[in-house]
Amino acid sequence: MKLPRRFEAFLRAARGAASSMEAGLGLFAIIACVAVVGSFSPLLSDAIYGSWPFAALLIALTANTLACVIIRRPGLSRAIGAAGTARLRALCVFAIHLSVLAVAAAGLWASLEFTTERIDVAEGEAFQVEGRSFKLDSIEVERYADGSVSDWVGRLSGPSGKVGAVRVNHPLRAGDTDILQTGYGQRYSLLLALPKEGVERKVEIDENALLPLAEDGSIGIVLKRPETGDDSRSAELALVSGSEALLKARVSEGMPFALDDTGIEITLTGSRAYGSFILRRTPGIAFLWTAFALLAIASSGLLIDPASRDKGKRTK
């Protein structure tokens, strides 16, 4: 059955576009630029790497590279069987196609399987990463000469007991998962008491988090580290209703504090530092870097090929 000429022309044009090296290089450049933007911060990487538009770009690059290899395969096969520099050049061209395909496939794998999880972990607590247990041993805060915070470091012990450090913008790699530290704070242990009713309740509250005292949440307390003094043995307490602070006071560990006429006594019984972490899983990264290494080697082979240099001299 003979197809209409216009349809045949459309199919030839579509085939040419699908196997166009210019289209492949354009897609590769767009993906590289988007990946660079996504590396600026964890929030950008979450929005980009796991998105369907990014996956669609990778699928398009994979399809383009496959089409290039399939359509050019007869010519490449004959060139690979040739002798001398022609064979080396053909092998380099084939390796470039293969490495671009591997980069796209690895990137697509990482994009489709990309996951993030945000957790808060107090000192001494453990969390799971890919079935392995990690414990936050300590949070160390580094300061400038004026007392302002310059960096904070989370000390983690892994399954083997070995301790690793997680700094801001310096994640710890565990399998296919990066452990990033995004913040830190204090977690306070309180004893809430109603002396007249003989009721006591132990609670934990994170710094700057609201602990409701009323069932409808209309009133509650917020604790934060004091601006001066020992962070671990005292805290700044605020009794709040909505956005309004009804009462502010400093409470010390072991000293009961009565909340005016509410009949509630609050005792700070202890505190410990906690770290905020992002667990970012990106499988296939090792495969991706291997593909990039192959691409660099094959491209270098083309650049040092004598035939390529001679062709460049003739075109001048």
C-alpha atoms as a PDB file:
ATOM      1  CA  MET A   1       0.000   0.000   0.000  1.00  0.00           C
ATOM      2  CA  LYS A   2       1.440   3.290  -1.133  1.00  0.00           C
ATOM      3  CA  LEU A   3       1.195   6.186   1.293  1.00  0.00           C
ATOM      4  CA  PRO A   4       0.288   9.709   0.161  1.00  0.00           C
ATOM      5  CA  ARG A   5       3.306  11.845  -0.689  1.00  0.00           C
ATOM      6  CA  ARG A   6       2.547  14.442   1.968  1.00  0.00           C
ATOM      7  CA  PHE A   7       2.309  11.749   4.635  1.00  0.00           C
ATOM      8  CA  GLU A   8       5.581  10.203   3.451  1.00  0.00           C
ATOM      9  CA  ALA A   9       7.216  13.636   3.593  1.00  0.00           C
ATOM     10  CA  PHE A  10       5.857  14.122   7.115  1.00  0.00           C
ATOM     11  CA  LEU A  11       7.249  10.744   8.219  1.00  0.00           C
ATOM     12  CA  ARG A  12      10.678  11.573   6.738  1.00  0.00           C
ATOM     13  CA  ALA A  13      10.668  14.927   8.504  1.00  0.00           C
ATOM     14  CA  ALA A  14       9.599  13.330  11.791  1.00  0.00           C
ATOM     15  CA  ARG A  15      12.316  10.698  11.446  1.00  0.00           C
ATOM     16  CA  GLY A  16      14.906  13.359  10.722  1.00  0.00           C
ATOM     17  CA  ALA A  17      13.813  15.410  13.740  1.00  0.00           C
ATOM     18  CA  ALA A  18      13.751  12.381  16.016  1.00  0.00           C
ATOM     19  CA  SER A  19      17.278  11.362  15.034  1.00  0.00           C
ATOM     20  CA  SER A  20      18.691  14.888  14.747  1.00  0.00           C
ATOM     21  CA  MET A  21      21.972  15.418  16.576  1.00  0.00           C
ATOM     22  CA  GLU A  22      21.099  19.108  16.930  1.00  0.00           C
ATOM     23  CA  ALA A  23      17.883  18.193  18.762  1.00  0.00           C
ATOM     24  CA  GLY A  24      19.795  15.823  21.040  1.00  0.00           C
ATOM     25  CA  LEU A  25      22.415  18.435  21.884  1.00  0.00           C
ATOM     26  CA  GLY A  26      19.680  21.003  22.512  1.00  0.00           C
ATOM     27  CA  LEU A  27      17.841  18.663  24.891  1.00  0.00           C
ATOM     28  CA  PHE A  28      21.118  17.817  26.618  1.00  0.00           C
ATOM     29  CA  ALA A  29      21.896  21.533  27.116  1.00  0.00           C
ATOM     30  CA  ILE A  30      18.401  22.247  28.512  1.00  0.00           C
ATOM     31  CA  ILE A  31      18.633  19.323  30.949  1.00  0.00           C
ATOM     32  CA  ALA A  32      22.098  20.436  32.065  1.00  0.00           C
ATOM     33  CA  CYS A  33      20.881  24.012  32.721  1.00  0.00           C
ATOM     34  CA  VAL A  34      17.826  22.795  34.648  1.00  0.00           C
ATOM     35  CA  ALA A  35      20.013  20.439  36.695  1.00  0.00           C
ATOM     36  CA  VAL A  36      22.371  23.292  37.588  1.00  0.00           C
ATOM     37  CA  VAL A  37      19.418  25.404  38.773  1.00  0.00           C
ATOM     38  CA  GLY A  38      18.138  22.471  40.848  1.00  0.00           C
ATOM     39  CA  SER A  39      21.502  22.137  42.599  1.00  0.00           C
ATOM     40  CA  PHE A  40      21.247  25.600  44.189  1.00  0.00           C
ATOM     41  CA  SER A  41      19.058  24.497  47.119  1.00  0.00           C
ATOM     42  CA  PRO A  42      17.169  21.446  48.458  1.00  0.00           C
ATOM     43  CA  LEU A  43      13.829  23.168  47.819  1.00  0.00           C
ATOM     44  CA  LEU A  44      14.639  23.707  44.129  1.00  0.00           C
ATOM     45  CA  SER A  45      15.911  20.154  43.718  1.00  0.00           C
ATOM     46  CA  ASP A  46      12.687  18.788  45.255  1.00  0.00           C
ATOM     47  CA  ALA A  47      10.611  20.831  42.808  1.00  0.00           C
ATOM     48  CA  ILE A  48      12.674  19.959  39.725  1.00  0.00           C
ATOM     49  CA  TYR A  49      14.194  16.480  39.881  1.00  0.00           C
ATOM     50  CA  GLY A  50      11.000  14.653  40.804  1.00  0.00           C
ATOM     51  CA  SER A  51       8.761  16.588  38.398  1.00  0.00           C
ATOM     52  CA  TRP A  52       7.147  15.148  35.273  1.00  0.00           C
ATOM     53  CA  PRO A  53       8.444  17.953  32.962  1.00  0.00           C
ATOM     54  CA  PHE A  54      12.011  17.015  33.920  1.00  0.00           C
ATOM     55  CA  ALA A  55      11.226  13.337  33.365  1.00  0.00           C
ATOM     56  CA  ALA A  56       9.687  14.228  29.963  1.00  0.00           C
ATOM     57  CA  LEU A  57      12.935  15.964  28.923  1.00  0.00           C
ATOM     58  CA  LEU A  58      14.912  12.864  29.879  1.00  0.00           C
ATOM     59  CA  ILE A  59      12.492  10.591  27.996  1.00  0.00           C
ATOM     60  CA  ALA A  60      12.805  12.806  24.902  1.00  0.00           C
ATOM     61  CA  LEU A  61      16.622  12.704  25.105  1.00  0.00           C
ATOM     62  CA  THR A  62      16.561   8.909  25.506  1.00  0.00           C
ATOM     63  CA  ALA A  63      14.267   8.504  22.491  1.00  0.00           C
ATOM     64  CA  ASN A  64      16.392  10.872  20.397  1.00  0.00           C
ATOM     65  CA  THR A  65      19.625   9.041  21.227  1.00  0.00           C
ATOM     66  CA  LEU A  66      18.064   5.640  20.508  1.00  0.00           C
ATOM     67  CA  ALA A  67      16.857   6.917  17.142  1.00  0.00           C
ATOM     68  CA  CYS A  68      20.324   8.278  16.338  1.00  0.00           C
ATOM     69  CA  VAL A  69      21.984   4.951  17.166  1.00  0.00           C
ATOM     70  CA  ILE A  70      19.420   2.797  15.309  1.00  0.00           C
ATOM     71  CA  ILE A  71      19.324   4.921  12.151  1.00  0.00           C
ATOM     72  CA  ARG A  72      23.121   5.319  11.981  1.00  0.00           C
ATOM     73  CA  ARG A  73      23.890   1.749  13.043  1.00  0.00           C
ATOM     74  CA  PRO A  74      24.722   0.334   9.545  1.00  0.00           C
ATOM     75  CA  GLY A  75      27.232   3.101   8.873  1.00  0.00           C
ATOM     76  CA  LEU A  76      28.735   2.790  12.336  1.00  0.00           C
ATOM     77  CA  SER A  77      29.029  -0.988  12.000  1.00  0.00           C
ATOM     78  CA  ARG A  78      30.965  -0.685   8.742  1.00  0.00           C
ATOM     79  CA  ALA A  79      33.208   2.058  10.184  1.00  0.00           C
ATOM     80  CA  ILE A  80      33.960   0.037  13.324  1.00  0.00           C
ATOM     81  CA  GLY A  81      35.095  -2.833  11.077  1.00  0.00           C
ATOM     82  CA  ALA A  82      37.482  -0.518   9.217  1.00  0.00           C
ATOM     83  CA  ALA A  83      41.176  -0.153  10.013  1.00  0.00           C
ATOM     84  CA  GLY A  84      43.301   2.600  11.513  1.00  0.00           C
ATOM     85  CA  THR A  85      42.006   5.932  12.735  1.00  0.00           C
ATOM     86  CA  ALA A  86      38.657   5.467  11.000  1.00  0.00           C
ATOM     87  CA  ARG A  87      37.888   2.636  13.387  1.00  0.00           C
ATOM     88  CA  LEU A  88      38.938   4.696  16.408  1.00  0.00           C
ATOM     89  CA  ARG A  89      36.764   7.587  15.270  1.00  0.00           C
ATOM     90  CA  ALA A  90      33.766   5.296  14.742  1.00  0.00           C
ATOM     91  CA  LEU A  91      34.241   3.758  18.177  1.00  0.00           C
ATOM     92  CA  CYS A  92      34.369   7.228  19.742  1.00  0.00           C
ATOM     93  CA  VAL A  93      31.195   8.285  17.951  1.00  0.00           C
ATOM     94  CA  PHE A  94      29.440   5.105  19.056  1.00  0.00           C
ATOM     95  CA  ALA A  95      30.685   5.614  22.651  1.00  0.00           C
ATOM     96  CA  ILE A  96      29.334   9.182  22.648  1.00  0.00           C
ATOM     97  CA  HIS A  97      25.915   7.948  21.535  1.00  0.00           C
ATOM     98  CA  LEU A  98      26.008   5.182  24.121  1.00  0.00           C
ATOM     99  CA  SER A  99      27.125   7.502  26.947  1.00  0.00           C
ATOM    100  CA  VAL A 100      24.437  10.095  26.160  1.00  0.00           C
ATOM    101  CA  LEU A 101      21.873   7.301  26.189  1.00  0.00           C
ATOM    102  CA  ALA A 102      23.265   6.085  29.542  1.00  0.00           C
ATOM    103  CA  VAL A 103      23.149   9.620  30.976  1.00  0.00           C
ATOM    104  CA  ALA A 104      19.529  10.022  29.916  1.00  0.00           C
ATOM    105  CA  ALA A 105      18.559   6.579  31.232  1.00  0.00           C
ATOM    106  CA  ALA A 106      20.319   7.130  34.572  1.00  0.00           C
ATOM    107  CA  GLY A 107      18.797  10.583  34.909  1.00  0.00           C
ATOM    108  CA  LEU A 108      15.342   9.221  34.106  1.00  0.00           C
ATOM    109  CA  TRP A 109      15.815   6.438  36.671  1.00  0.00           C
ATOM    110  CA  ALA A 110      16.883   8.939  39.330  1.00  0.00           C
ATOM    111  CA  SER A 111      14.020  11.296  38.451  1.00  0.00           C
ATOM    112  CA  LEU A 112      11.295   8.645  38.592  1.00  0.00           C
ATOM    113  CA  GLU A 113      12.634   7.132  41.842  1.00  0.00           C
ATOM    114  CA  PHE A 114      13.504  10.503  43.430  1.00  0.00           C
ATOM    115  CA  THR A 115      12.040  10.883  46.935  1.00  0.00           C
ATOM    116  CA  THR A 116      12.498  13.324  49.801  1.00  0.00           C
ATOM    117  CA  GLU A 117      11.545  13.080  53.453  1.00  0.00           C
ATOM    118  CA  ARG A 118      11.849  15.762  56.126  1.00  0.00           C
ATOM    119  CA  ILE A 119      12.481  14.695  59.712  1.00  0.00           C
ATOM    120  CA  ASP A 120      13.357  16.282  63.063  1.00  0.00           C
ATOM    121  CA  VAL A 121      15.680  14.180  65.217  1.00  0.00           C
ATOM    122  CA  ALA A 122      16.704  14.978  68.798  1.00  0.00           C
ATOM    123  CA  GLU A 123      20.114  14.146  70.216  1.00  0.00           C
ATOM    124  CA  GLY A 124      20.233  10.479  71.129  1.00  0.00           C
ATOM    125  CA  GLU A 125      17.368   9.524  68.795  1.00  0.00           C
ATOM    126  CA  ALA A 126      17.693   7.149  65.839  1.00  0.00           C
ATOM    127  CA  PHE A 127      16.191   7.221  62.338  1.00  0.00           C
ATOM    128  CA  GLN A 128      16.110   4.823  59.400  1.00  0.00           C
ATOM    129  CA  VAL A 129      17.778   5.282  56.001  1.00  0.00           C
ATOM    130  CA  GLU A 130      17.248   2.465  53.476  1.00  0.00           C
ATOM    131  CA  GLY A 131      16.751  -0.041  56.273  1.00  0.00           C
ATOM    132  CA  ARG A 132      19.841   1.058  58.200  1.00  0.00           C
ATOM    133  CA  SER A 133      19.745   2.823  61.561  1.00  0.00           C
ATOM    134  CA  PHE A 134      21.520   6.127  62.178  1.00  0.00           C
ATOM    135  CA  LYS A 135      21.675   7.980  65.498  1.00  0.00           C
ATOM    136  CA  LEU A 136      22.152  11.702  66.055  1.00  0.00           C
ATOM    137  CA  ASP A 137      24.898  11.839  68.680  1.00  0.00           C
ATOM    138  CA  SER A 138      25.196  15.614  68.966  1.00  0.00           C
ATOM    139  CA  ILE A 139      24.584  18.991  67.372  1.00  0.00           C
ATOM    140  CA  GLU A 140      27.574  21.346  67.387  1.00  0.00           C
ATOM    141  CA  VAL A 141      26.991  25.043  66.717  1.00  0.00           C
ATOM    142  CA  GLU A 142      29.916  27.069  65.359  1.00  0.00           C
ATOM    143  CA  ARG A 143      29.862  30.835  65.870  1.00  0.00           C
ATOM    144  CA  TYR A 144      31.638  33.933  64.592  1.00  0.00           C
ATOM    145  CA  ALA A 145      33.591  36.224  66.904  1.00  0.00           C
ATOM    146  CA  ASP A 146      30.454  38.361  67.478  1.00  0.00           C
ATOM    147  CA  GLY A 147      28.485  35.326  68.665  1.00  0.00           C
ATOM    148  CA  SER A 148      26.306  34.869  65.564  1.00  0.00           C
ATOM    149  CA  VAL A 149      25.911  31.374  64.136  1.00  0.00           C
ATOM    150  CA  SER A 150      28.268  30.499  61.265  1.00  0.00           C
ATOM    151  CA  ASP A 151      27.464  26.804  60.874  1.00  0.00           C
ATOM    152  CA  TRP A 152      25.966  23.817  62.640  1.00  0.00           C
ATOM    153  CA  VAL A 153      27.195  20.253  62.462  1.00  0.00           C
ATOM    154  CA  GLY A 154      25.273  17.047  63.113  1.00  0.00           C
ATOM    155  CA  ARG A 155      27.379  14.131  64.346  1.00  0.00           C
ATOM    156  CA  LEU A 156      25.854  10.826  63.259  1.00  0.00           C
ATOM    157  CA  SER A 157      26.800   7.265  64.101  1.00  0.00           C
ATOM    158  CA  GLY A 158      25.891   4.617  61.565  1.00  0.00           C
ATOM    159  CA  PRO A 159      25.310   0.861  61.640  1.00  0.00           C
ATOM    160  CA  SER A 160      29.041   0.159  62.096  1.00  0.00           C
ATOM    161  CA  GLY A 161      29.376   2.747  64.860  1.00  0.00           C
ATOM    162  CA  LYS A 162      31.446   5.044  62.653  1.00  0.00           C
ATOM    163  CA  VAL A 163      30.663   8.715  63.157  1.00  0.00           C
ATOM    164  CA  GLY A 164      30.058  11.027  60.205  1.00  0.00           C
ATOM    165  CA  ALA A 165      29.452  14.771  60.099  1.00  0.00           C
ATOM    166  CA  VAL A 166      26.598  16.522  58.294  1.00  0.00           C
ATOM    167  CA  ARG A 167      27.109  20.236  57.640  1.00  0.00           C
ATOM    168  CA  VAL A 168      24.972  22.763  55.822  1.00  0.00           C
ATOM    169  CA  ASN A 169      25.445  22.146  52.057  1.00  0.00           C
ATOM    170  CA  HIS A 170      27.709  19.160  52.860  1.00  0.00           C
ATOM    171  CA  PRO A 171      25.434  16.094  53.002  1.00  0.00           C
ATOM    172  CA  LEU A 172      26.359  12.614  54.171  1.00  0.00           C
ATOM    173  CA  ARG A 173      25.835   9.875  51.573  1.00  0.00           C
ATOM    174  CA  ALA A 174      24.220   6.632  52.719  1.00  0.00           C
ATOM    175  CA  GLY A 175      23.621   4.246  49.831  1.00  0.00           C
ATOM    176  CA  ASP A 176      21.432   6.100  47.325  1.00  0.00           C
ATOM    177  CA  THR A 177      20.342   8.680  49.921  1.00  0.00           C
ATOM    178  CA  ASP A 178      21.842  12.057  50.814  1.00  0.00           C
ATOM    179  CA  ILE A 179      21.335  13.168  54.435  1.00  0.00           C
ATOM    180  CA  LEU A 180      21.157  16.972  54.458  1.00  0.00           C
ATOM    181  CA  GLN A 181      20.903  19.121  57.571  1.00  0.00           C
ATOM    182  CA  THR A 182      18.659  22.161  57.133  1.00  0.00           C
ATOM    183  CA  GLY A 183      18.317  23.510  60.665  1.00  0.00           C
ATOM    184  CA  TYR A 184      18.544  22.926  64.372  1.00  0.00           C
ATOM    185  CA  GLY A 185      16.747  23.886  67.558  1.00  0.00           C
ATOM    186  CA  GLN A 186      15.918  22.881  71.129  1.00  0.00           C
ATOM    187  CA  ARG A 187      13.375  20.297  72.250  1.00  0.00           C
ATOM    188  CA  TYR A 188      12.009  20.996  75.727  1.00  0.00           C
ATOM    189  CA  SER A 189      10.619  18.505  78.258  1.00  0.00           C
ATOM    190  CA  LEU A 190       7.857  19.990  80.427  1.00  0.00           C
ATOM    191  CA  LEU A 191       5.734  18.947  83.352  1.00  0.00           C
ATOM    192  CA  LEU A 192       2.248  20.483  83.201  1.00  0.00           C
ATOM    193  CA  ALA A 193       0.451  20.394  86.546  1.00  0.00           C
ATOM    194  CA  LEU A 194      -2.971  21.373  87.856  1.00  0.00           C
ATOM    195  CA  PRO A 195      -2.227  21.407  91.607  1.00  0.00           C
ATOM    196  CA  LYS A 196      -5.836  21.901  92.651  1.00  0.00           C
ATOM    197  CA  GLU A 197      -6.966  18.884  90.631  1.00  0.00           C
ATOM    198  CA  GLY A 198      -3.861  16.789  91.272  1.00  0.00           C
ATOM    199  CA  VAL A 199      -3.281  16.220  87.549  1.00  0.00           C
ATOM    200  CA  GLU A 200       0.181  16.113  85.977  1.00  0.00           C
ATOM    201  CA  ARG A 201       1.213  15.558  82.360  1.00  0.00           C
ATOM    202  CA  LYS A 202       4.638  15.202  80.759  1.00  0.00           C
ATOM    203  CA  VAL A 203       5.054  16.664  77.273  1.00  0.00           C
ATOM    204  CA  GLU A 204       7.795  17.544  74.803  1.00  0.00           C
ATOM    205  CA  ILE A 205       7.702  20.656  72.654  1.00  0.00           C
ATOM    206  CA  ASP A 206      10.060  21.875  69.933  1.00  0.00           C
ATOM    207  CA  GLU A 207      11.400  25.384  69.921  1.00  0.00           C
ATOM    208  CA  ASN A 208       8.906  27.940  68.511  1.00  0.00           C
ATOM    209  CA  ALA A 209       6.181  25.271  68.252  1.00  0.00           C
ATOM    210  CA  LEU A 210       2.764  25.930  69.815  1.00  0.00           C
ATOM    211  CA  LEU A 211       1.618  23.715  72.666  1.00  0.00           C
ATOM    212  CA  PRO A 212      -2.184  24.171  72.941  1.00  0.00           C
ATOM    213  CA  LEU A 213      -3.607  24.543  76.449  1.00  0.00           C
ATOM    214  CA  ALA A 214      -7.234  24.824  75.338  1.00  0.00           C
ATOM    215  CA  GLU A 215      -9.126  22.147  73.410  1.00  0.00           C
ATOM    216  CA  ASP A 216      -9.964  24.597  70.617  1.00  0.00           C
ATOM    217  CA  GLY A 217      -6.329  25.713  70.351  1.00  0.00           C
ATOM    218  CA  SER A 218      -7.216  29.323  71.111  1.00  0.00           C
ATOM    219  CA  ILE A 219      -4.505  29.632  73.752  1.00  0.00           C
ATOM    220  CA  GLY A 220      -1.147  27.940  74.168  1.00  0.00           C
ATOM    221  CA  ILE A 221       2.485  28.341  75.058  1.00  0.00           C
ATOM    222  CA  VAL A 222       5.614  28.762  72.938  1.00  0.00           C
ATOM    223  CA  LEU A 223       9.188  28.242  74.123  1.00  0.00           C
ATOM    224  CA  LYS A 224      12.425  29.387  72.572  1.00  0.00           C
ATOM    225  CA  ARG A 225      16.056  29.649  73.534  1.00  0.00           C
ATOM    226  CA  PRO A 226      16.975  32.716  75.604  1.00  0.00           C
ATOM    227  CA  GLU A 227      19.042  35.353  73.878  1.00  0.00           C
ATOM    228  CA  THR A 228      21.494  35.290  76.796  1.00  0.00           C
ATOM    229  CA  GLY A 229      22.385  32.666  79.368  1.00  0.00           C
ATOM    230  CA  ASP A 230      22.554  28.864  79.352  1.00  0.00           C
ATOM    231  CA  ASP A 231      20.472  27.544  76.439  1.00  0.00           C
ATOM    232  CA  SER A 232      20.097  24.092  77.925  1.00  0.00           C
ATOM    233  CA  ARG A 233      18.834  25.005  81.430  1.00  0.00           C
ATOM    234  CA  SER A 234      16.408  27.846  80.713  1.00  0.00           C
ATOM    235  CA  ALA A 235      13.963  29.052  78.067  1.00  0.00           C
ATOM    236  CA  GLU A 236      11.879  32.060  77.107  1.00  0.00           C
ATOM    237  CA  LEU A 237       8.172  31.221  77.562  1.00  0.00           C
ATOM    238  CA  ALA A 238       5.260  33.063  75.983  1.00  0.00           C
ATOM    239  CA  LEU A 239       1.558  32.525  76.681  1.00  0.00           C
ATOM    240  CA  VAL A 240      -0.140  33.332  73.360  1.00  0.00           C
ATOM    241  CA  SER A 241      -3.637  33.691  72.004  1.00  0.00           C
ATOM    242  CA  GLY A 242      -3.608  33.837  68.227  1.00  0.00           C
ATOM    243  CA  SER A 243      -0.775  36.187  67.321  1.00  0.00           C
ATOM    244  CA  GLU A 244      -0.940  38.103  70.614  1.00  0.00           C
ATOM    245  CA  ALA A 245       1.461  37.378  73.492  1.00  0.00           C
ATOM    246  CA  LEU A 246      -0.470  37.531  76.777  1.00  0.00           C
ATOM    247  CA  LEU A 247       2.538  36.805  78.978  1.00  0.00           C
ATOM    248  CA  LYS A 248       6.289  36.503  78.602  1.00  0.00           C
ATOM    249  CA  ALA A 249       8.660  35.049  81.180  1.00  0.00           C
ATOM    250  CA  ARG A 250      11.921  33.176  81.523  1.00  0.00           C
ATOM    251  CA  VAL A 251      11.680  29.717  83.063  1.00  0.00           C
ATOM    252  CA  SER A 252      14.557  27.731  84.543  1.00  0.00           C
ATOM    253  CA  GLU A 253      14.989  23.989  84.800  1.00  0.00           C
ATOM    254  CA  GLY A 254      13.413  22.501  87.923  1.00  0.00           C
ATOM    255  CA  MET A 255      11.613  25.720  88.946  1.00  0.00           C
ATOM    256  CA  PRO A 256       7.756  25.611  88.711  1.00  0.00           C
ATOM    257  CA  PHE A 257       6.155  28.606  87.023  1.00  0.00           C
ATOM    258  CA  ALA A 258       2.472  29.496  87.446  1.00  0.00           C
ATOM    259  CA  LEU A 259       0.586  30.845  84.425  1.00  0.00           C
ATOM    260  CA  ASP A 260      -1.301  33.699  86.148  1.00  0.00           C
ATOM    261  CA  ASP A 261      -4.925  32.765  86.816  1.00  0.00           C
ATOM    262  CA  THR A 262      -5.028  29.668  84.605  1.00  0.00           C
ATOM    263  CA  GLY A 263      -4.190  27.398  87.524  1.00  0.00           C
ATOM    264  CA  ILE A 264      -1.504  25.666  85.426  1.00  0.00           C
ATOM    265  CA  GLU A 265       2.039  25.212  86.661  1.00  0.00           C
ATOM    266  CA  ILE A 266       4.815  24.590  84.157  1.00  0.00           C
ATOM    267  CA  THR A 267       8.147  23.064  85.107  1.00  0.00           C
ATOM    268  CA  LEU A 268      11.015  22.805  82.651  1.00  0.00           C
ATOM    269  CA  THR A 269      12.482  19.363  83.333  1.00  0.00           C
ATOM    270  CA  GLY A 270      15.128  19.292  80.613  1.00  0.00           C
ATOM    271  CA  SER A 271      16.020  20.062  77.006  1.00  0.00           C
ATOM    272  CA  ARG A 272      18.117  18.682  74.210  1.00  0.00           C
ATOM    273  CA  ALA A 273      19.134  19.886  70.788  1.00  0.00           C
ATOM    274  CA  TYR A 274      17.508  18.510  67.654  1.00  0.00           C
ATOM    275  CA  GLY A 275      18.397  18.687  63.997  1.00  0.00           C
ATOM    276  CA  SER A 276      16.148  19.113  60.971  1.00  0.00           C
ATOM    277  CA  PHE A 277      17.157  16.825  58.112  1.00  0.00           C
ATOM    278  CA  ILE A 278      16.136  16.076  54.542  1.00  0.00           C
ATOM    279  CA  LEU A 279      16.566  12.503  53.316  1.00  0.00           C
ATOM    280  CA  ARG A 280      16.942  12.773  49.540  1.00  0.00           C
ATOM    281  CA  ARG A 281      17.050   9.489  47.636  1.00  0.00           C
ATOM    282  CA  THR A 282      18.510   9.648  44.119  1.00  0.00           C
ATOM    283  CA  PRO A 283      19.301   6.135  42.813  1.00  0.00           C
ATOM    284  CA  GLY A 284      21.555   5.634  39.821  1.00  0.00           C
ATOM    285  CA  ILE A 285      24.017   8.434  40.643  1.00  0.00           C
ATOM    286  CA  ALA A 286      27.071   6.150  40.357  1.00  0.00           C
ATOM    287  CA  PHE A 287      25.810   4.928  36.972  1.00  0.00           C
ATOM    288  CA  LEU A 288      25.251   8.543  35.918  1.00  0.00           C
ATOM    289  CA  TRP A 289      28.818   9.612  36.774  1.00  0.00           C
ATOM    290  CA  THR A 290      30.181   6.553  34.957  1.00  0.00           C
ATOM    291  CA  ALA A 291      28.227   7.577  31.858  1.00  0.00           C
ATOM    292  CA  PHE A 292      29.600  11.128  32.090  1.00  0.00           C
ATOM    293  CA  ALA A 293      33.144   9.723  32.369  1.00  0.00           C
ATOM    294  CA  LEU A 294      32.574   7.632  29.230  1.00  0.00           C
ATOM    295  CA  LEU A 295      31.238  10.723  27.433  1.00  0.00           C
ATOM    296  CA  ALA A 296      34.330  12.738  28.414  1.00  0.00           C
ATOM    297  CA  ILE A 297      36.731   9.979  27.276  1.00  0.00           C
ATOM    298  CA  ALA A 298      34.946   9.468  23.944  1.00  0.00           C
ATOM    299  CA  SER A 299      34.814  13.224  23.264  1.00  0.00           C
ATOM    300  CA  SER A 300      38.526  13.521  24.055  1.00  0.00           C
ATOM    301  CA  GLY A 301      39.224  10.672  21.636  1.00  0.00           C
ATOM    302  CA  LEU A 302      37.519  12.594  18.843  1.00  0.00           C
ATOM    303  CA  LEU A 303      39.454  15.763  19.657  1.00  0.00           C
ATOM    304  CA  ILE A 304      42.849  14.041  19.519  1.00  0.00           C
ATOM    305  CA  ASP A 305      41.971  12.028  16.394  1.00  0.00           C
ATOM    306  CA  PRO A 306      44.457  13.069  13.642  1.00  0.00           C
ATOM    307  CA  ALA A 307      41.699  12.891  11.018  1.00  0.00           C
ATOM    308  CA  SER A 308      39.660  15.432  12.967  1.00  0.00           C
ATOM    309  CA  ARG A 309      42.647  17.793  13.238  1.00  0.00           C
ATOM    310  CA  ASP A 310      43.433  17.482   9.528  1.00  0.00           C
ATOM    311  CA  LYS A 311      39.802  18.178   8.630  1.00  0.00           C
ATOM    312  CA  GLY A 312      39.865  21.268  10.830  1.00  0.00           C
ATOM    313  CA  LYS A 313      43.015  22.556   9.107  1.00  0.00           C
ATOM    314  CA  ARG A 314      41.474  22.050   5.650  1.00  0.00           C
ATOM    315  CA  THR A 315      38.376  24.047   6.556  1.00  0.00           C
ATOM    316  CA  LYS A 316      40.423  27.091   7.634  1.00  0.00           C
END
